[in-house]
Amino acid sequence: MHRDIPPAFDGLRIAFISDLHYKSKLKEKGLNDLIRLLNERKPDVLLMGGDYQEGCEYVEPLFAALSRVEAPLGIYGVMGNNDYERCTMRSSVR
């Protein structure tokens, strides 16, 4: 444990995913495997680093699937350059 991390965070399980590029790099089976793996690891919080999808039509199904991740402290994400460039998904993500 890093000495600058407050003791209150001892034991906190943080999962981080990024650059899924759903439907290009990551297909449906891979997404289901990822969700299963994340739930097996029992994260307290899931952080997502952006570049989620390869087309506007995949935003809703991707986030519907990711909502199955059990993270008691929440699921939080930022948009990557692909997310900004490919479509205006801000309302879908919120």
PDB file of N, CA and C in Angstrom:
ATOM      1  N   MET A   1       0.843  -1.177   0.000  1.00  0.00           N
ATOM      2  CA  MET A   1       0.000   0.000   0.000  1.00  0.00           C
ATOM      3  C   MET A   1       0.888   1.239   0.000  1.00  0.00           C
ATOM      4  N   HIS A   2       0.521   2.198  -0.799  1.00  0.00           N
ATOM      5  CA  HIS A   2       1.251   3.461  -0.854  1.00  0.00           C
ATOM      6  C   HIS A   2       1.021   4.224   0.440  1.00  0.00           C
ATOM      7  N   ARG A   3       2.050   4.828   0.967  1.00  0.00           N
ATOM      8  CA  ARG A   3       1.948   5.485   2.282  1.00  0.00           C
ATOM      9  C   ARG A   3       1.061   6.724   2.290  1.00  0.00           C
ATOM     10  N   ASP A   4       0.778   7.307   1.107  1.00  0.00           N
ATOM     11  CA  ASP A   4      -0.054   8.507   1.065  1.00  0.00           C
ATOM     12  C   ASP A   4      -1.545   8.211   0.924  1.00  0.00           C
ATOM     13  N   ILE A   5      -1.906   6.951   0.870  1.00  0.00           N
ATOM     14  CA  ILE A   5      -3.319   6.590   0.753  1.00  0.00           C
ATOM     15  C   ILE A   5      -3.927   6.528   2.153  1.00  0.00           C
ATOM     16  N   PRO A   6      -5.011   7.256   2.381  1.00  0.00           N
ATOM     17  CA  PRO A   6      -5.631   7.260   3.712  1.00  0.00           C
ATOM     18  C   PRO A   6      -6.073   5.858   4.132  1.00  0.00           C
ATOM     19  N   PRO A   7      -5.972   5.546   5.414  1.00  0.00           N
ATOM     20  CA  PRO A   7      -6.376   4.232   5.917  1.00  0.00           C
ATOM     21  C   PRO A   7      -7.821   3.877   5.583  1.00  0.00           C
ATOM     22  N   ALA A   8      -8.675   4.872   5.419  1.00  0.00           N
ATOM     23  CA  ALA A   8     -10.084   4.604   5.107  1.00  0.00           C
ATOM     24  C   ALA A   8     -10.245   3.861   3.780  1.00  0.00           C
ATOM     25  N   PHE A   9      -9.234   3.947   2.922  1.00  0.00           N
ATOM     26  CA  PHE A   9      -9.299   3.274   1.625  1.00  0.00           C
ATOM     27  C   PHE A   9      -8.698   1.870   1.654  1.00  0.00           C
ATOM     28  N   ASP A  10      -8.201   1.445   2.796  1.00  0.00           N
ATOM     29  CA  ASP A  10      -7.630   0.106   2.916  1.00  0.00           C
ATOM     30  C   ASP A  10      -8.698  -0.936   2.596  1.00  0.00           C
ATOM     31  N   GLY A  11      -8.417  -1.791   1.645  1.00  0.00           N
ATOM     32  CA  GLY A  11      -9.357  -2.837   1.269  1.00  0.00           C
ATOM     33  C   GLY A  11     -10.336  -2.442   0.179  1.00  0.00           C
ATOM     34  N   LEU A  12     -10.348  -1.165  -0.212  1.00  0.00           N
ATOM     35  CA  LEU A  12     -11.250  -0.712  -1.273  1.00  0.00           C
ATOM     36  C   LEU A  12     -10.835  -1.359  -2.594  1.00  0.00           C
ATOM     37  N   ARG A  13     -11.797  -1.919  -3.297  1.00  0.00           N
ATOM     38  CA  ARG A  13     -11.527  -2.593  -4.569  1.00  0.00           C
ATOM     39  C   ARG A  13     -12.021  -1.708  -5.711  1.00  0.00           C
ATOM     40  N   ILE A  14     -11.063  -1.237  -6.515  1.00  0.00           N
ATOM     41  CA  ILE A  14     -11.366  -0.364  -7.642  1.00  0.00           C
ATOM     42  C   ILE A  14     -11.080  -1.123  -8.929  1.00  0.00           C
ATOM     43  N   ALA A  15     -12.070  -1.177  -9.809  1.00  0.00           N
ATOM     44  CA  ALA A  15     -11.873  -1.768 -11.138  1.00  0.00           C
ATOM     45  C   ALA A  15     -11.817  -0.628 -12.148  1.00  0.00           C
ATOM     46  N   PHE A  16     -10.953  -0.776 -13.147  1.00  0.00           N
ATOM     47  CA  PHE A  16     -10.812   0.239 -14.191  1.00  0.00           C
ATOM     48  C   PHE A  16     -10.826  -0.434 -15.551  1.00  0.00           C
ATOM     49  N   ILE A  17     -11.676   0.070 -16.446  1.00  0.00           N
ATOM     50  CA  ILE A  17     -11.697  -0.422 -17.819  1.00  0.00           C
ATOM     51  C   ILE A  17     -11.621   0.776 -18.755  1.00  0.00           C
ATOM     52  N   SER A  18     -11.072   0.542 -19.935  1.00  0.00           N
ATOM     53  CA  SER A  18     -10.932   1.630 -20.886  1.00  0.00           C
ATOM     54  C   SER A  18     -10.778   1.067 -22.288  1.00  0.00           C
ATOM     55  N   ASP A  19     -11.085   1.882 -23.268  1.00  0.00           N
ATOM     56  CA  ASP A  19     -10.856   1.550 -24.675  1.00  0.00           C
ATOM     57  C   ASP A  19     -11.509   0.238 -25.090  1.00  0.00           C
ATOM     58  N   LEU A  20     -12.773   0.075 -24.746  1.00  0.00           N
ATOM     59  CA  LEU A  20     -13.493  -1.144 -25.124  1.00  0.00           C
ATOM     60  C   LEU A  20     -13.726  -1.209 -26.631  1.00  0.00           C
ATOM     61  N   HIS A  21     -13.973  -0.066 -27.262  1.00  0.00           N
ATOM     62  CA  HIS A  21     -14.258  -0.011 -28.701  1.00  0.00           C
ATOM     63  C   HIS A  21     -15.262  -1.101 -29.073  1.00  0.00           C
ATOM     64  N   TYR A  22     -16.384  -1.088 -28.363  1.00  0.00           N
ATOM     65  CA  TYR A  22     -17.411  -2.122 -28.522  1.00  0.00           C
ATOM     66  C   TYR A  22     -17.858  -2.258 -29.968  1.00  0.00           C
ATOM     67  N   LYS A  23     -17.899  -3.472 -30.399  1.00  0.00           N
ATOM     68  CA  LYS A  23     -18.274  -3.935 -31.740  1.00  0.00           C
ATOM     69  C   LYS A  23     -17.118  -3.860 -32.729  1.00  0.00           C
ATOM     70  N   SER A  24     -15.997  -3.255 -32.353  1.00  0.00           N
ATOM     71  CA  SER A  24     -14.812  -3.279 -33.202  1.00  0.00           C
ATOM     72  C   SER A  24     -13.805  -4.236 -32.565  1.00  0.00           C
ATOM     73  N   LYS A  25     -13.241  -3.852 -31.426  1.00  0.00           N
ATOM     74  CA  LYS A  25     -12.310  -4.722 -30.701  1.00  0.00           C
ATOM     75  C   LYS A  25     -13.057  -5.720 -29.820  1.00  0.00           C
ATOM     76  N   LEU A  26     -14.048  -5.248 -29.118  1.00  0.00           N
ATOM     77  CA  LEU A  26     -14.781  -6.064 -28.144  1.00  0.00           C
ATOM     78  C   LEU A  26     -16.153  -6.418 -28.702  1.00  0.00           C
ATOM     79  N   LYS A  27     -16.409  -7.706 -28.820  1.00  0.00           N
ATOM     80  CA  LYS A  27     -17.703  -8.178 -29.329  1.00  0.00           C
ATOM     81  C   LYS A  27     -18.603  -8.542 -28.147  1.00  0.00           C
ATOM     82  N   GLU A  28     -19.819  -8.996 -28.437  1.00  0.00           N
ATOM     83  CA  GLU A  28     -20.803  -9.284 -27.391  1.00  0.00           C
ATOM     84  C   GLU A  28     -20.321 -10.345 -26.403  1.00  0.00           C
ATOM     85  N   LYS A  29     -19.720 -11.428 -26.890  1.00  0.00           N
ATOM     86  CA  LYS A  29     -19.229 -12.473 -25.984  1.00  0.00           C
ATOM     87  C   LYS A  29     -18.147 -11.915 -25.059  1.00  0.00           C
ATOM     88  N   GLY A  30     -17.241 -11.133 -25.626  1.00  0.00           N
ATOM     89  CA  GLY A  30     -16.188 -10.525 -24.817  1.00  0.00           C
ATOM     90  C   GLY A  30     -16.748  -9.586 -23.766  1.00  0.00           C
ATOM     91  N   LEU A  31     -17.787  -8.850 -24.131  1.00  0.00           N
ATOM     92  CA  LEU A  31     -18.430  -7.948 -23.172  1.00  0.00           C
ATOM     93  C   LEU A  31     -19.060  -8.739 -22.035  1.00  0.00           C
ATOM     94  N   ASN A  32     -19.753  -9.811 -22.363  1.00  0.00           N
ATOM     95  CA  ASN A  32     -20.359 -10.650 -21.317  1.00  0.00           C
ATOM     96  C   ASN A  32     -19.293 -11.280 -20.434  1.00  0.00           C
ATOM     97  N   ASP A  33     -18.174 -11.702 -21.028  1.00  0.00           N
ATOM     98  CA  ASP A  33     -17.062 -12.253 -20.245  1.00  0.00           C
ATOM     99  C   ASP A  33     -16.478 -11.190 -19.316  1.00  0.00           C
ATOM    100  N   LEU A  34     -16.336  -9.964 -19.821  1.00  0.00           N
ATOM    101  CA  LEU A  34     -15.807  -8.870 -19.011  1.00  0.00           C
ATOM    102  C   LEU A  34     -16.714  -8.586 -17.817  1.00  0.00           C
ATOM    103  N   ILE A  35     -18.009  -8.534 -18.047  1.00  0.00           N
ATOM    104  CA  ILE A  35     -18.967  -8.277 -16.965  1.00  0.00           C
ATOM    105  C   ILE A  35     -18.902  -9.391 -15.924  1.00  0.00           C
ATOM    106  N   ARG A  36     -18.828 -10.631 -16.380  1.00  0.00           N
ATOM    107  CA  ARG A  36     -18.710 -11.765 -15.458  1.00  0.00           C
ATOM    108  C   ARG A  36     -17.427 -11.644 -14.632  1.00  0.00           C
ATOM    109  N   LEU A  37     -16.306 -11.347 -15.294  1.00  0.00           N
ATOM    110  CA  LEU A  37     -15.023 -11.213 -14.605  1.00  0.00           C
ATOM    111  C   LEU A  37     -15.060 -10.078 -13.580  1.00  0.00           C
ATOM    112  N   LEU A  38     -15.603  -8.945 -13.973  1.00  0.00           N
ATOM    113  CA  LEU A  38     -15.697  -7.823 -13.034  1.00  0.00           C
ATOM    114  C   LEU A  38     -16.533  -8.199 -11.815  1.00  0.00           C
ATOM    115  N   ASN A  39     -17.667  -8.838 -12.034  1.00  0.00           N
ATOM    116  CA  ASN A  39     -18.519  -9.228 -10.904  1.00  0.00           C
ATOM    117  C   ASN A  39     -17.849 -10.269 -10.018  1.00  0.00           C
ATOM    118  N   GLU A  40     -17.047 -11.150 -10.604  1.00  0.00           N
ATOM    119  CA  GLU A  40     -16.303 -12.129  -9.800  1.00  0.00           C
ATOM    120  C   GLU A  40     -15.284 -11.441  -8.904  1.00  0.00           C
ATOM    121  N   ARG A  41     -14.708 -10.331  -9.372  1.00  0.00           N
ATOM    122  CA  ARG A  41     -13.693  -9.601  -8.604  1.00  0.00           C
ATOM    123  C   ARG A  41     -14.313  -8.734  -7.510  1.00  0.00           C
ATOM    124  N   LYS A  42     -15.633  -8.545  -7.570  1.00  0.00           N
ATOM    125  CA  LYS A  42     -16.375  -7.791  -6.556  1.00  0.00           C
ATOM    126  C   LYS A  42     -15.790  -6.394  -6.295  1.00  0.00           C
ATOM    127  N   PRO A  43     -15.754  -5.554  -7.324  1.00  0.00           N
ATOM    128  CA  PRO A  43     -15.229  -4.202  -7.106  1.00  0.00           C
ATOM    129  C   PRO A  43     -16.200  -3.360  -6.282  1.00  0.00           C
ATOM    130  N   ASP A  44     -15.645  -2.460  -5.494  1.00  0.00           N
ATOM    131  CA  ASP A  44     -16.481  -1.499  -4.779  1.00  0.00           C
ATOM    132  C   ASP A  44     -16.942  -0.398  -5.728  1.00  0.00           C
ATOM    133  N   VAL A  45     -16.085  -0.073  -6.680  1.00  0.00           N
ATOM    134  CA  VAL A  45     -16.381   0.982  -7.647  1.00  0.00           C
ATOM    135  C   VAL A  45     -15.778   0.587  -8.995  1.00  0.00           C
ATOM    136  N   LEU A  46     -16.464   0.973 -10.064  1.00  0.00           N
ATOM    137  CA  LEU A  46     -15.956   0.755 -11.419  1.00  0.00           C
ATOM    138  C   LEU A  46     -15.696   2.114 -12.049  1.00  0.00           C
ATOM    139  N   LEU A  47     -14.463   2.310 -12.518  1.00  0.00           N
ATOM    140  CA  LEU A  47     -14.084   3.527 -13.226  1.00  0.00           C
ATOM    141  C   LEU A  47     -13.868   3.172 -14.688  1.00  0.00           C
ATOM    142  N   MET A  48     -14.349   4.030 -15.590  1.00  0.00           N
ATOM    143  CA  MET A  48     -14.249   3.747 -17.020  1.00  0.00           C
ATOM    144  C   MET A  48     -13.570   4.920 -17.718  1.00  0.00           C
ATOM    145  N   GLY A  49     -12.575   4.597 -18.546  1.00  0.00           N
ATOM    146  CA  GLY A  49     -11.724   5.617 -19.142  1.00  0.00           C
ATOM    147  C   GLY A  49     -12.060   6.081 -20.541  1.00  0.00           C
ATOM    148  N   GLY A  50     -13.201   5.711 -21.080  1.00  0.00           N
ATOM    149  CA  GLY A  50     -13.598   6.249 -22.375  1.00  0.00           C
ATOM    150  C   GLY A  50     -13.308   5.345 -23.558  1.00  0.00           C
ATOM    151  N   ASP A  51     -13.619   5.856 -24.742  1.00  0.00           N
ATOM    152  CA  ASP A  51     -13.541   5.103 -26.002  1.00  0.00           C
ATOM    153  C   ASP A  51     -14.329   3.806 -25.879  1.00  0.00           C
ATOM    154  N   TYR A  52     -15.603   3.977 -25.586  1.00  0.00           N
ATOM    155  CA  TYR A  52     -16.484   2.853 -25.284  1.00  0.00           C
ATOM    156  C   TYR A  52     -16.951   2.081 -26.506  1.00  0.00           C
ATOM    157  N   GLN A  53     -17.221   2.769 -27.616  1.00  0.00           N
ATOM    158  CA  GLN A  53     -17.937   2.139 -28.720  1.00  0.00           C
ATOM    159  C   GLN A  53     -17.379   2.584 -30.064  1.00  0.00           C
ATOM    160  N   GLU A  54     -17.849   1.913 -31.101  1.00  0.00           N
ATOM    161  CA  GLU A  54     -17.439   2.246 -32.465  1.00  0.00           C
ATOM    162  C   GLU A  54     -18.622   2.713 -33.308  1.00  0.00           C
ATOM    163  N   GLY A  55     -19.673   3.180 -32.677  1.00  0.00           N
ATOM    164  CA  GLY A  55     -20.821   3.693 -33.414  1.00  0.00           C
ATOM    165  C   GLY A  55     -21.946   4.054 -32.469  1.00  0.00           C
ATOM    166  N   CYS A  56     -22.682   5.092 -32.814  1.00  0.00           N
ATOM    167  CA  CYS A  56     -23.768   5.589 -31.953  1.00  0.00           C
ATOM    168  C   CYS A  56     -24.791   4.517 -31.616  1.00  0.00           C
ATOM    169  N   GLU A  57     -25.042   3.626 -32.550  1.00  0.00           N
ATOM    170  CA  GLU A  57     -26.060   2.599 -32.325  1.00  0.00           C
ATOM    171  C   GLU A  57     -25.671   1.610 -31.224  1.00  0.00           C
ATOM    172  N   TYR A  58     -24.402   1.617 -30.803  1.00  0.00           N
ATOM    173  CA  TYR A  58     -23.943   0.675 -29.780  1.00  0.00           C
ATOM    174  C   TYR A  58     -23.946   1.259 -28.377  1.00  0.00           C
ATOM    175  N   VAL A  59     -24.200   2.552 -28.250  1.00  0.00           N
ATOM    176  CA  VAL A  59     -24.146   3.211 -26.941  1.00  0.00           C
ATOM    177  C   VAL A  59     -25.146   2.598 -25.966  1.00  0.00           C
ATOM    178  N   GLU A  60     -26.409   2.561 -26.348  1.00  0.00           N
ATOM    179  CA  GLU A  60     -27.453   2.054 -25.443  1.00  0.00           C
ATOM    180  C   GLU A  60     -27.223   0.598 -25.036  1.00  0.00           C
ATOM    181  N   PRO A  61     -26.994  -0.331 -25.981  1.00  0.00           N
ATOM    182  CA  PRO A  61     -26.792  -1.721 -25.558  1.00  0.00           C
ATOM    183  C   PRO A  61     -25.531  -1.920 -24.717  1.00  0.00           C
ATOM    184  N   LEU A  62     -24.485  -1.158 -25.021  1.00  0.00           N
ATOM    185  CA  LEU A  62     -23.250  -1.289 -24.242  1.00  0.00           C
ATOM    186  C   LEU A  62     -23.472  -0.870 -22.798  1.00  0.00           C
ATOM    187  N   PHE A  63     -24.075   0.309 -22.596  1.00  0.00           N
ATOM    188  CA  PHE A  63     -24.265   0.784 -21.228  1.00  0.00           C
ATOM    189  C   PHE A  63     -25.339  -0.001 -20.486  1.00  0.00           C
ATOM    190  N   ALA A  64     -26.291  -0.545 -21.200  1.00  0.00           N
ATOM    191  CA  ALA A  64     -27.270  -1.434 -20.565  1.00  0.00           C
ATOM    192  C   ALA A  64     -26.552  -2.669 -20.026  1.00  0.00           C
ATOM    193  N   ALA A  65     -25.629  -3.209 -20.806  1.00  0.00           N
ATOM    194  CA  ALA A  65     -24.864  -4.380 -20.363  1.00  0.00           C
ATOM    195  C   ALA A  65     -23.953  -4.020 -19.191  1.00  0.00           C
ATOM    196  N   LEU A  66     -23.246  -2.897 -19.284  1.00  0.00           N
ATOM    197  CA  LEU A  66     -22.333  -2.501 -18.208  1.00  0.00           C
ATOM    198  C   LEU A  66     -23.072  -2.197 -16.908  1.00  0.00           C
ATOM    199  N   SER A  67     -24.341  -1.871 -16.990  1.00  0.00           N
ATOM    200  CA  SER A  67     -25.113  -1.612 -15.767  1.00  0.00           C
ATOM    201  C   SER A  67     -25.302  -2.883 -14.941  1.00  0.00           C
ATOM    202  N   ARG A  68     -24.983  -4.041 -15.519  1.00  0.00           N
ATOM    203  CA  ARG A  68     -25.066  -5.306 -14.774  1.00  0.00           C
ATOM    204  C   ARG A  68     -23.865  -5.519 -13.855  1.00  0.00           C
ATOM    205  N   VAL A  69     -22.853  -4.667 -13.967  1.00  0.00           N
ATOM    206  CA  VAL A  69     -21.704  -4.766 -13.066  1.00  0.00           C
ATOM    207  C   VAL A  69     -22.151  -4.312 -11.683  1.00  0.00           C
ATOM    208  N   GLU A  70     -21.864  -5.135 -10.697  1.00  0.00           N
ATOM    209  CA  GLU A  70     -22.250  -4.839  -9.317  1.00  0.00           C
ATOM    210  C   GLU A  70     -21.110  -4.099  -8.622  1.00  0.00           C
ATOM    211  N   ALA A  71     -21.287  -2.797  -8.452  1.00  0.00           N
ATOM    212  CA  ALA A  71     -20.290  -1.951  -7.800  1.00  0.00           C
ATOM    213  C   ALA A  71     -21.037  -1.049  -6.820  1.00  0.00           C
ATOM    214  N   PRO A  72     -21.052  -1.399  -5.533  1.00  0.00           N
ATOM    215  CA  PRO A  72     -21.870  -0.686  -4.552  1.00  0.00           C
ATOM    216  C   PRO A  72     -21.621   0.822  -4.468  1.00  0.00           C
ATOM    217  N   LEU A  73     -20.394   1.256  -4.753  1.00  0.00           N
ATOM    218  CA  LEU A  73     -20.095   2.690  -4.669  1.00  0.00           C
ATOM    219  C   LEU A  73     -20.307   3.408  -5.998  1.00  0.00           C
ATOM    220  N   GLY A  74     -20.708   2.663  -7.020  1.00  0.00           N
ATOM    221  CA  GLY A  74     -21.072   3.295  -8.285  1.00  0.00           C
ATOM    222  C   GLY A  74     -20.175   2.947  -9.456  1.00  0.00           C
ATOM    223  N   ILE A  75     -20.637   3.387 -10.616  1.00  0.00           N
ATOM    224  CA  ILE A  75     -19.922   3.230 -11.882  1.00  0.00           C
ATOM    225  C   ILE A  75     -19.756   4.634 -12.449  1.00  0.00           C
ATOM    226  N   TYR A  76     -18.508   5.017 -12.721  1.00  0.00           N
ATOM    227  CA  TYR A  76     -18.210   6.372 -13.175  1.00  0.00           C
ATOM    228  C   TYR A  76     -17.335   6.315 -14.419  1.00  0.00           C
ATOM    229  N   GLY A  77     -17.585   7.212 -15.345  1.00  0.00           N
ATOM    230  CA  GLY A  77     -16.787   7.211 -16.559  1.00  0.00           C
ATOM    231  C   GLY A  77     -16.591   8.593 -17.138  1.00  0.00           C
ATOM    232  N   VAL A  78     -15.600   8.687 -17.992  1.00  0.00           N
ATOM    233  CA  VAL A  78     -15.342   9.893 -18.769  1.00  0.00           C
ATOM    234  C   VAL A  78     -15.415   9.513 -20.238  1.00  0.00           C
ATOM    235  N   MET A  79     -15.611  10.495 -21.084  1.00  0.00           N
ATOM    236  CA  MET A  79     -15.670  10.236 -22.515  1.00  0.00           C
ATOM    237  C   MET A  79     -14.271  10.330 -23.110  1.00  0.00           C
ATOM    238  N   GLY A  80     -13.985   9.427 -24.045  1.00  0.00           N
ATOM    239  CA  GLY A  80     -12.721   9.460 -24.766  1.00  0.00           C
ATOM    240  C   GLY A  80     -12.887  10.174 -26.096  1.00  0.00           C
ATOM    241  N   ASN A  81     -11.792  10.304 -26.825  1.00  0.00           N
ATOM    242  CA  ASN A  81     -11.861  11.014 -28.100  1.00  0.00           C
ATOM    243  C   ASN A  81     -12.807  10.333 -29.086  1.00  0.00           C
ATOM    244  N   ASN A  82     -12.843   9.006 -29.115  1.00  0.00           N
ATOM    245  CA  ASN A  82     -13.770   8.301 -30.013  1.00  0.00           C
ATOM    246  C   ASN A  82     -15.216   8.624 -29.673  1.00  0.00           C
ATOM    247  N   ASP A  83     -15.512   8.736 -28.406  1.00  0.00           N
ATOM    248  CA  ASP A  83     -16.881   9.011 -27.972  1.00  0.00           C
ATOM    249  C   ASP A  83     -17.325  10.404 -28.418  1.00  0.00           C
ATOM    250  N   TYR A  84     -16.413  11.365 -28.366  1.00  0.00           N
ATOM    251  CA  TYR A  84     -16.730  12.714 -28.828  1.00  0.00           C
ATOM    252  C   TYR A  84     -16.834  12.775 -30.350  1.00  0.00           C
ATOM    253  N   GLU A  85     -15.917  12.081 -31.033  1.00  0.00           N
ATOM    254  CA  GLU A  85     -15.833  12.185 -32.487  1.00  0.00           C
ATOM    255  C   GLU A  85     -16.914  11.400 -33.214  1.00  0.00           C
ATOM    256  N   ARG A  86     -17.292  10.241 -32.693  1.00  0.00           N
ATOM    257  CA  ARG A  86     -18.196   9.357 -33.430  1.00  0.00           C
ATOM    258  C   ARG A  86     -19.655   9.779 -33.364  1.00  0.00           C
ATOM    259  N   CYS A  87     -20.082  10.275 -32.235  1.00  0.00           N
ATOM    260  CA  CYS A  87     -21.471  10.714 -32.124  1.00  0.00           C
ATOM    261  C   CYS A  87     -21.639  11.544 -30.861  1.00  0.00           C
ATOM    262  N   THR A  88     -22.708  12.270 -30.820  1.00  0.00           N
ATOM    263  CA  THR A  88     -23.019  13.043 -29.624  1.00  0.00           C
ATOM    264  C   THR A  88     -23.785  12.126 -28.693  1.00  0.00           C
ATOM    265  N   MET A  89     -23.051  11.472 -27.787  1.00  0.00           N
ATOM    266  CA  MET A  89     -23.666  10.475 -26.914  1.00  0.00           C
ATOM    267  C   MET A  89     -23.859  10.998 -25.506  1.00  0.00           C
ATOM    268  N   ARG A  90     -23.586  12.251 -25.270  1.00  0.00           N
ATOM    269  CA  ARG A  90     -23.638  12.779 -23.904  1.00  0.00           C
ATOM    270  C   ARG A  90     -24.955  12.477 -23.202  1.00  0.00           C
ATOM    271  N   SER A  91     -26.074  12.676 -23.881  1.00  0.00           N
ATOM    272  CA  SER A  91     -27.366  12.431 -23.233  1.00  0.00           C
ATOM    273  C   SER A  91     -27.564  10.951 -22.950  1.00  0.00           C
ATOM    274  N   SER A  92     -27.063  10.088 -23.811  1.00  0.00           N
ATOM    275  CA  SER A  92     -27.197   8.644 -23.597  1.00  0.00           C
ATOM    276  C   SER A  92     -26.382   8.182 -22.403  1.00  0.00           C
ATOM    277  N   VAL A  93     -25.189   8.732 -22.261  1.00  0.00           N
ATOM    278  CA  VAL A  93     -24.299   8.312 -21.180  1.00  0.00           C
ATOM    279  C   VAL A  93     -24.809   8.795 -19.839  1.00  0.00           C
ATOM    280  N   ARG A  94     -25.305  10.008 -19.791  1.00  0.00           N
ATOM    281  CA  ARG A  94     -25.793  10.545 -18.517  1.00  0.00           C
ATOM    282  C   ARG A  94     -26.948   9.733 -18.022  1.00  0.00           C
TER     283      ARG A  94
END
